[in-house]
C-alpha atoms as a PDB file:
ATOM      1  CA  MET A   1     -26.109 -54.921 -63.463  1.00  0.00           C
ATOM      2  CA  THR A   2     -28.367 -55.139 -60.645  1.00  0.00           C
ATOM      3  CA  LYS A   3     -25.401 -55.516 -58.408  1.00  0.00           C
ATOM      4  CA  LEU A   4     -23.820 -52.371 -59.629  1.00  0.00           C
ATOM      5  CA  LYS A   5     -26.992 -50.242 -59.199  1.00  0.00           C
ATOM      6  CA  THR A   6     -27.113 -51.565 -55.604  1.00  0.00           C
ATOM      7  CA  ILE A   7     -23.659 -50.618 -54.849  1.00  0.00           C
ATOM      8  CA  GLN A   8     -24.136 -47.133 -56.433  1.00  0.00           C
ATOM      9  CA  PHE A   9     -27.247 -46.582 -54.370  1.00  0.00           C
ATOM     10  CA  ALA A  10     -25.442 -47.520 -51.082  1.00  0.00           C
ATOM     11  CA  VAL A  11     -22.576 -45.184 -51.856  1.00  0.00           C
ATOM     12  CA  VAL A  12     -24.995 -42.294 -52.693  1.00  0.00           C
ATOM     13  CA  SER A  13     -27.076 -42.974 -49.521  1.00  0.00           C
ATOM     14  CA  LEU A  14     -23.886 -43.076 -47.201  1.00  0.00           C
ATOM     15  CA  PHE A  15     -22.570 -39.773 -48.786  1.00  0.00           C
ATOM     16  CA  THR A  16     -26.117 -38.104 -48.399  1.00  0.00           C
ATOM     17  CA  ILE A  17     -26.114 -39.222 -44.588  1.00  0.00           C
ATOM     18  CA  CYS A  18     -22.523 -37.943 -44.023  1.00  0.00           C
ATOM     19  CA  SER A  19     -23.145 -34.586 -45.668  1.00  0.00           C
ATOM     20  CA  SER A  20     -26.460 -34.154 -43.531  1.00  0.00           C
ATOM     21  CA  THR A  21     -24.523 -34.788 -40.484  1.00  0.00           C
ATOM     22  CA  MET A  22     -21.652 -32.415 -41.310  1.00  0.00           C
ATOM     23  CA  VAL A  23     -24.042 -29.715 -42.161  1.00  0.00           C
ATOM     24  CA  TRP A  24     -25.944 -30.143 -39.015  1.00  0.00           C
ATOM     25  CA  ALA A  25     -22.839 -30.202 -36.894  1.00  0.00           C
ATOM     26  CA  ALA A  26     -21.668 -26.966 -38.568  1.00  0.00           C
ATOM     27  CA  SER A  27     -24.909 -25.278 -38.356  1.00  0.00           C
ATOM     28  CA  GLY A  28     -25.225 -26.204 -34.642  1.00  0.00           C
ATOM     29  CA  ALA A  29     -21.668 -25.041 -33.751  1.00  0.00           C
ATOM     30  CA  ASP A  30     -21.361 -21.871 -31.570  1.00  0.00           C
ATOM     31  CA  TYR A  31     -18.613 -19.730 -33.323  1.00  0.00           C
ATOM     32  CA  GLN A  32     -17.330 -16.712 -31.509  1.00  0.00           C
ATOM     33  CA  GLU A  33     -14.816 -14.291 -32.862  1.00  0.00           C
ATOM     34  CA  VAL A  34     -11.972 -13.850 -30.300  1.00  0.00           C
ATOM     35  CA  SER A  35      -9.324 -11.116 -30.269  1.00  0.00           C
ATOM     36  CA  TYR A  36      -5.605 -11.673 -29.841  1.00  0.00           C
ATOM     37  CA  ASP A  37      -5.748  -9.765 -26.519  1.00  0.00           C
ATOM     38  CA  ASP A  38      -8.508 -12.025 -25.320  1.00  0.00           C
ATOM     39  CA  LEU A  39      -6.741 -15.203 -26.421  1.00  0.00           C
ATOM     40  CA  VAL A  40      -3.667 -14.053 -24.580  1.00  0.00           C
ATOM     41  CA  ASN A  41      -5.573 -13.368 -21.504  1.00  0.00           C
ATOM     42  CA  GLU A  42      -7.126 -16.832 -21.708  1.00  0.00           C
ATOM     43  CA  LEU A  43      -4.070 -18.623 -22.126  1.00  0.00           C
ATOM     44  CA  SER A  44      -2.351 -16.703 -19.262  1.00  0.00           C
ATOM     45  CA  GLN A  45      -5.478 -17.476 -16.886  1.00  0.00           C
ATOM     46  CA  LYS A  46      -4.967 -21.255 -18.038  1.00  0.00           C
ATOM     47  CA  LYS A  47      -1.243 -21.203 -17.129  1.00  0.00           C
ATOM     48  CA  SER A  48      -1.846 -19.529 -13.863  1.00  0.00           C
ATOM     49  CA  SER A  49      -4.482 -22.096 -13.024  1.00  0.00           C
ATOM     50  CA  TYR A  50      -2.243 -24.979 -14.023  1.00  0.00           C
ATOM     51  CA  GLU A  51       0.748 -23.429 -12.074  1.00  0.00           C
ATOM     52  CA  GLN A  52      -1.457 -23.188  -8.935  1.00  0.00           C
ATOM     53  CA  ILE A  53      -2.741 -26.627  -9.225  1.00  0.00           C
ATOM     54  CA  LYS A  54       0.907 -27.724  -9.747  1.00  0.00           C
ATOM     55  CA  LYS A  55       1.836 -25.960  -6.662  1.00  0.00           C
ATOM     56  CA  ASP A  56      -0.820 -27.357  -4.585  1.00  0.00           C
ATOM     57  CA  ALA A  57       0.125 -30.928  -5.847  1.00  0.00           C
ATOM     58  CA  ASP A  58       3.741 -30.248  -4.559  1.00  0.00           C
ATOM     59  CA  GLY A  59       2.357 -29.888  -1.061  1.00  0.00           C
ATOM     60  CA  PRO A  60       3.109 -26.990   1.849  1.00  0.00           C
ATOM     61  CA  GLN A  61       5.911 -24.818   1.282  1.00  0.00           C
ATOM     62  CA  SER A  62       8.337 -23.129   3.498  1.00  0.00           C
ATOM     63  CA  HIS A  63       8.950 -19.258   3.454  1.00  0.00           C
ATOM     64  CA  ILE A  64      11.795 -17.118   4.414  1.00  0.00           C
ATOM     65  CA  GLY A  65      12.261 -13.428   3.964  1.00  0.00           C
ATOM     66  CA  ILE A  66      14.091 -10.122   4.767  1.00  0.00           C
ATOM     67  CA  GLY A  67      12.650  -6.566   4.856  1.00  0.00           C
ATOM     68  CA  TYR A  68      13.404  -2.987   5.612  1.00  0.00           C
ATOM     69  CA  VAL A  69      10.842  -1.406   7.961  1.00  0.00           C
ATOM     70  CA  ASN A  70       9.932   2.090   9.171  1.00  0.00           C
ATOM     71  CA  GLY A  71       8.206   2.139  12.581  1.00  0.00           C
ATOM     72  CA  PHE A  72       6.272   4.793  14.329  1.00  0.00           C
ATOM     73  CA  THR A  73       5.614   4.359  18.050  1.00  0.00           C
ATOM     74  CA  ASN A  74       3.517   6.413  20.571  1.00  0.00           C
ATOM     75  CA  VAL A  75       5.168   6.509  23.933  1.00  0.00           C
ATOM     76  CA  SER A  76       3.451   7.274  27.144  1.00  0.00           C
ATOM     77  CA  THR A  77       5.274   7.449  30.409  1.00  0.00           C
ATOM     78  CA  SER A  78       5.247   9.462  33.630  1.00  0.00           C
ATOM     79  CA  GLY A  79       2.858  11.903  32.170  1.00  0.00           C
ATOM     80  CA  ALA A  80       4.624  12.433  28.936  1.00  0.00           C
ATOM     81  CA  ASN A  81       3.364  11.457  25.574  1.00  0.00           C
ATOM     82  CA  PHE A  82       5.285  11.576  22.456  1.00  0.00           C
ATOM     83  CA  ASN A  83       5.923   9.764  19.154  1.00  0.00           C
ATOM     84  CA  ARG A  84       9.138   8.095  17.976  1.00  0.00           C
ATOM     85  CA  ARG A  85      10.094   7.066  14.231  1.00  0.00           C
ATOM     86  CA  THR A  86      12.509   4.229  13.917  1.00  0.00           C
ATOM     87  CA  THR A  87      14.074   2.107  11.056  1.00  0.00           C
ATOM     88  CA  GLY A  88      15.329  -1.304  11.192  1.00  0.00           C
ATOM     89  CA  VAL A  89      15.407  -4.702   9.541  1.00  0.00           C
ATOM     90  CA  GLN A  90      13.273  -7.711   9.886  1.00  0.00           C
ATOM     91  CA  LEU A  91      13.605 -11.318   9.132  1.00  0.00           C
ATOM     92  CA  SER A  92      10.796 -13.770   8.745  1.00  0.00           C
ATOM     93  CA  ALA A  93      10.039 -17.450   8.535  1.00  0.00           C
ATOM     94  CA  GLY A  94       6.771 -19.185   7.850  1.00  0.00           C
ATOM     95  CA  ARG A  95       5.050 -22.329   6.328  1.00  0.00           C
ATOM     96  CA  ASP A  96       1.808 -22.867   4.434  1.00  0.00           C
ATOM     97  CA  LEU A  97      -0.938 -24.515   6.471  1.00  0.00           C
ATOM     98  CA  SER A  98      -3.803 -26.669   5.161  1.00  0.00           C
ATOM     99  CA  SER A  99      -3.578 -24.838   1.707  1.00  0.00           C
ATOM    100  CA  ARG A 100      -1.445 -22.343  -0.006  1.00  0.00           C
ATOM    101  CA  ASN A 101      -3.798 -19.551   0.879  1.00  0.00           C
ATOM    102  CA  LEU A 102      -3.247 -20.052   4.607  1.00  0.00           C
ATOM    103  CA  TYR A 103       0.005 -19.522   6.343  1.00  0.00           C
ATOM    104  CA  GLY A 104       1.820 -19.134   9.692  1.00  0.00           C
ATOM    105  CA  GLU A 105       4.710 -16.691  10.072  1.00  0.00           C
ATOM    106  CA  VAL A 106       7.126 -15.534  12.775  1.00  0.00           C
ATOM    107  CA  ILE A 107       8.837 -12.216  12.340  1.00  0.00           C
ATOM    108  CA  PHE A 108      11.792 -10.630  14.212  1.00  0.00           C
ATOM    109  CA  ARG A 109      12.420  -7.016  13.939  1.00  0.00           C
ATOM    110  CA  ASN A 110      15.363  -5.117  15.117  1.00  0.00           C
ATOM    111  CA  TYR A 111      15.007  -1.235  15.127  1.00  0.00           C
ATOM    112  CA  GLY A 112      18.323  -0.811  16.855  1.00  0.00           C
ATOM    113  CA  SER A 113      19.293   2.120  19.044  1.00  0.00           C
ATOM    114  CA  ASN A 114      18.449   5.814  18.359  1.00  0.00           C
ATOM    115  CA  ASP A 115      20.288   8.022  20.689  1.00  0.00           C
ATOM    116  CA  SER A 116      20.407  11.809  20.871  1.00  0.00           C
ATOM    117  CA  THR A 117      22.046  14.390  23.191  1.00  0.00           C
ATOM    118  CA  SER A 118      19.017  14.265  25.601  1.00  0.00           C
ATOM    119  CA  ASP A 119      17.622  10.565  25.384  1.00  0.00           C
ATOM    120  CA  SER A 120      18.103   7.181  24.032  1.00  0.00           C
ATOM    121  CA  PHE A 121      15.537   4.706  22.515  1.00  0.00           C
ATOM    122  CA  SER A 122      15.784   1.118  21.397  1.00  0.00           C
ATOM    123  CA  LEU A 123      13.244  -1.310  20.182  1.00  0.00           C
ATOM    124  CA  ARG A 124      13.118  -5.024  19.283  1.00  0.00           C
ATOM    125  CA  GLU A 125       9.976  -7.133  18.345  1.00  0.00           C
ATOM    126  CA  LEU A 126       9.038 -10.716  18.069  1.00  0.00           C
ATOM    127  CA  GLU A 127       5.790 -11.476  16.154  1.00  0.00           C
ATOM    128  CA  GLY A 128       3.757 -14.375  15.408  1.00  0.00           C
ATOM    129  CA  LYS A 129       0.799 -14.504  13.235  1.00  0.00           C
ATOM    130  CA  PHE A 130      -1.546 -16.347  10.869  1.00  0.00           C
ATOM    131  CA  GLY A 131      -2.468 -15.013   7.444  1.00  0.00           C
ATOM    132  CA  TYR A 132      -4.588 -15.354   4.298  1.00  0.00           C
ATOM    133  CA  THR A 133      -3.253 -14.701   0.879  1.00  0.00           C
ATOM    134  CA  ASN A 134      -4.686 -14.932  -2.665  1.00  0.00           C
ATOM    135  CA  ALA A 135      -4.242 -13.663  -6.164  1.00  0.00           C
ATOM    136  CA  ILE A 136      -5.619 -10.377  -7.541  1.00  0.00           C
ATOM    137  CA  GLN A 137      -4.672 -10.325 -11.084  1.00  0.00           C
ATOM    138  CA  GLY A 138      -1.555 -11.256 -12.906  1.00  0.00           C
ATOM    139  CA  VAL A 139       1.456 -11.361 -10.823  1.00  0.00           C
ATOM    140  CA  TRP A 140      -0.158  -9.582  -7.882  1.00  0.00           C
ATOM    141  CA  ASN A 141      -1.287 -11.076  -4.564  1.00  0.00           C
ATOM    142  CA  TYR A 142      -2.613  -9.696  -1.473  1.00  0.00           C
ATOM    143  CA  SER A 143      -2.444 -10.737   2.276  1.00  0.00           C
ATOM    144  CA  LEU A 144      -4.396 -10.174   5.471  1.00  0.00           C
ATOM    145  CA  SER A 145      -2.983 -11.518   8.797  1.00  0.00           C
ATOM    146  CA  THR A 146      -3.363 -11.175  12.503  1.00  0.00           C
ATOM    147  CA  GLY A 147      -1.539 -12.329  15.477  1.00  0.00           C
ATOM    148  CA  LEU A 148       0.357 -11.259  18.687  1.00  0.00           C
ATOM    149  CA  SER A 149       3.874  -9.539  19.228  1.00  0.00           C
ATOM    150  CA  ALA A 150       6.195  -8.946  22.090  1.00  0.00           C
ATOM    151  CA  ARG A 151       7.663  -5.357  21.890  1.00  0.00           C
ATOM    152  CA  MET A 152      10.843  -4.968  23.970  1.00  0.00           C
ATOM    153  CA  MET A 153      11.412  -1.097  24.483  1.00  0.00           C
ATOM    154  CA  LYS A 154      13.958   0.925  26.267  1.00  0.00           C
ATOM    155  CA  TYR A 155      13.946   4.632  26.593  1.00  0.00           C
ATOM    156  CA  ASP A 156      15.996   6.903  28.837  1.00  0.00           C
ATOM    157  CA  ASN A 157      15.860  10.665  29.268  1.00  0.00           C
ATOM    158  CA  ALA A 158      18.104  11.946  32.091  1.00  0.00           C
ATOM    159  CA  ILE A 159      16.852  15.555  31.640  1.00  0.00           C
ATOM    160  CA  GLN A 160      13.259  14.759  32.201  1.00  0.00           C
ATOM    161  CA  ASP A 161      13.926  11.845  34.524  1.00  0.00           C
ATOM    162  CA  LEU A 162      12.213   9.247  32.198  1.00  0.00           C
ATOM    163  CA  HIS A 163      13.078   5.671  32.211  1.00  0.00           C
ATOM    164  CA  VAL A 164      11.211   2.816  30.391  1.00  0.00           C
ATOM    165  CA  ASP A 165      12.523  -0.846  30.156  1.00  0.00           C
ATOM    166  CA  GLU A 166       9.286  -2.867  29.231  1.00  0.00           C
ATOM    167  CA  THR A 167       8.271  -5.717  27.126  1.00  0.00           C
ATOM    168  CA  THR A 168       4.549  -5.123  25.942  1.00  0.00           C
ATOM    169  CA  PRO A 169       2.294  -7.872  24.483  1.00  0.00           C
ATOM    170  CA  SER A 170       0.338  -6.399  21.573  1.00  0.00           C
ATOM    171  CA  LEU A 171      -2.406  -7.375  19.162  1.00  0.00           C
ATOM    172  CA  VAL A 172      -1.278  -7.160  15.473  1.00  0.00           C
ATOM    173  CA  ILE A 173      -3.336  -6.610  12.206  1.00  0.00           C
ATOM    174  CA  ALA A 174      -1.506  -6.481   8.883  1.00  0.00           C
ATOM    175  CA  SER A 175      -2.135  -6.180   5.206  1.00  0.00           C
ATOM    176  CA  GLY A 176       0.319  -6.451   2.282  1.00  0.00           C
ATOM    177  CA  LEU A 177       0.585  -6.249  -1.600  1.00  0.00           C
ATOM    178  CA  PHE A 178       3.065  -8.376  -3.272  1.00  0.00           C
ATOM    179  CA  ALA A 179       4.133  -9.167  -6.864  1.00  0.00           C
ATOM    180  CA  GLN A 180       5.394 -12.646  -7.834  1.00  0.00           C
ATOM    181  CA  ILE A 181       8.383 -11.902  -9.788  1.00  0.00           C
ATOM    182  CA  HIS A 182       9.458 -15.478 -10.010  1.00  0.00           C
ATOM    183  CA  GLN A 183       8.039 -18.799  -9.074  1.00  0.00           C
ATOM    184  CA  ASN A 184       9.644 -18.848  -5.702  1.00  0.00           C
ATOM    185  CA  ILE A 185      10.378 -15.165  -5.081  1.00  0.00           C
ATOM    186  CA  SER A 186       7.941 -12.253  -4.426  1.00  0.00           C
ATOM    187  CA  VAL A 187       8.545  -8.674  -3.305  1.00  0.00           C
ATOM    188  CA  GLY A 188       6.142  -6.230  -1.851  1.00  0.00           C
ATOM    189  CA  VAL A 189       4.933  -3.982   1.028  1.00  0.00           C
ATOM    190  CA  GLU A 190       3.124  -4.810   4.247  1.00  0.00           C
ATOM    191  CA  ALA A 191       1.428  -2.368   6.638  1.00  0.00           C
ATOM    192  CA  SER A 192       0.957  -3.335  10.323  1.00  0.00           C
ATOM    193  CA  ALA A 193      -0.768  -1.851  13.258  1.00  0.00           C
ATOM    194  CA  ARG A 194      -0.537  -2.760  16.903  1.00  0.00           C
ATOM    195  CA  THR A 195      -2.266  -1.976  20.109  1.00  0.00           C
ATOM    196  CA  ALA A 196      -1.216  -2.996  23.605  1.00  0.00           C
ATOM    197  CA  LEU A 197      -2.991  -5.826  25.373  1.00  0.00           C
ATOM    198  CA  VAL A 198      -2.145  -4.522  28.908  1.00  0.00           C
ATOM    199  CA  ASN A 199      -3.316  -1.672  30.915  1.00  0.00           C
ATOM    200  CA  LYS A 200      -1.302   1.424  31.119  1.00  0.00           C
ATOM    201  CA  PRO A 201       1.639   0.422  28.881  1.00  0.00           C
ATOM    202  CA  SER A 202       4.571   2.908  27.893  1.00  0.00           C
ATOM    203  CA  ASP A 203       4.354   1.294  24.439  1.00  0.00           C
ATOM    204  CA  LYS A 204       0.709   2.224  23.572  1.00  0.00           C
ATOM    205  CA  ASP A 205       0.079   1.862  20.005  1.00  0.00           C
ATOM    206  CA  SER A 206       2.478   1.600  16.824  1.00  0.00           C
ATOM    207  CA  PHE A 207       2.404   1.387  13.095  1.00  0.00           C
ATOM    208  CA  ASP A 208       4.977   0.179  10.700  1.00  0.00           C
ATOM    209  CA  PHE A 209       5.450   0.114   6.946  1.00  0.00           C
ATOM    210  CA  ALA A 210       7.793  -2.726   5.579  1.00  0.00           C
ATOM    211  CA  PHE A 211       9.334  -3.352   2.271  1.00  0.00           C
ATOM    212  CA  ARG A 212       9.722  -7.196   1.892  1.00  0.00           C
ATOM    213  CA  LEU A 213      11.432  -9.803  -0.197  1.00  0.00           C
ATOM    214  CA  ASN A 214      10.053 -13.330   0.438  1.00  0.00           C
ATOM    215  CA  THR A 215      11.317 -16.643  -0.970  1.00  0.00           C
ATOM    216  CA  SER A 216       9.673 -20.153  -0.799  1.00  0.00           C
ATOM    217  CA  LEU A 217      11.397 -23.467  -0.412  1.00  0.00           C
END
């Protein structure tokens, strides 16, 4: 009988200790009500973080792209100053550097020839730059970049006796906004401004606005 009472006392004591522990844990827990939208956003952020970590683990990637570009060029030659608007295509190739946020890129633009009854104008450009890119929110990313370009411009106006055939080195500053529509595909726009690095160039300053499609490999 004594042994039975001892067993009963041990069971009651164990139950009491476990109950106290559970009550303490429940009372010490920090509960917070979370809405459905907050839960979705949290899961989306965790997914984006996971994807970024996975990308970083995969190592640097190469990038190629194509774009449609609108250019505005300020021309100054033989005392004449005027602006020319041109359109063309651009091809780009680049690669991640020390991290996915840093990249190097080479771009070739061909604006073709724009001829009229009085003059002819043609422009091509080779550009190399370094850039920084990062996420804003959701699928959106921004980029900032700078570098140098060589602009090959030809202009002829027989009526005013104006002739230009120059390659002008220029400083480039650019900024873009892109949407990551697929793991390896992004689309967006990029604006670039240039200023000549030589004295008295015919191609003084320029600005362009490009629609871009980029892929990563």
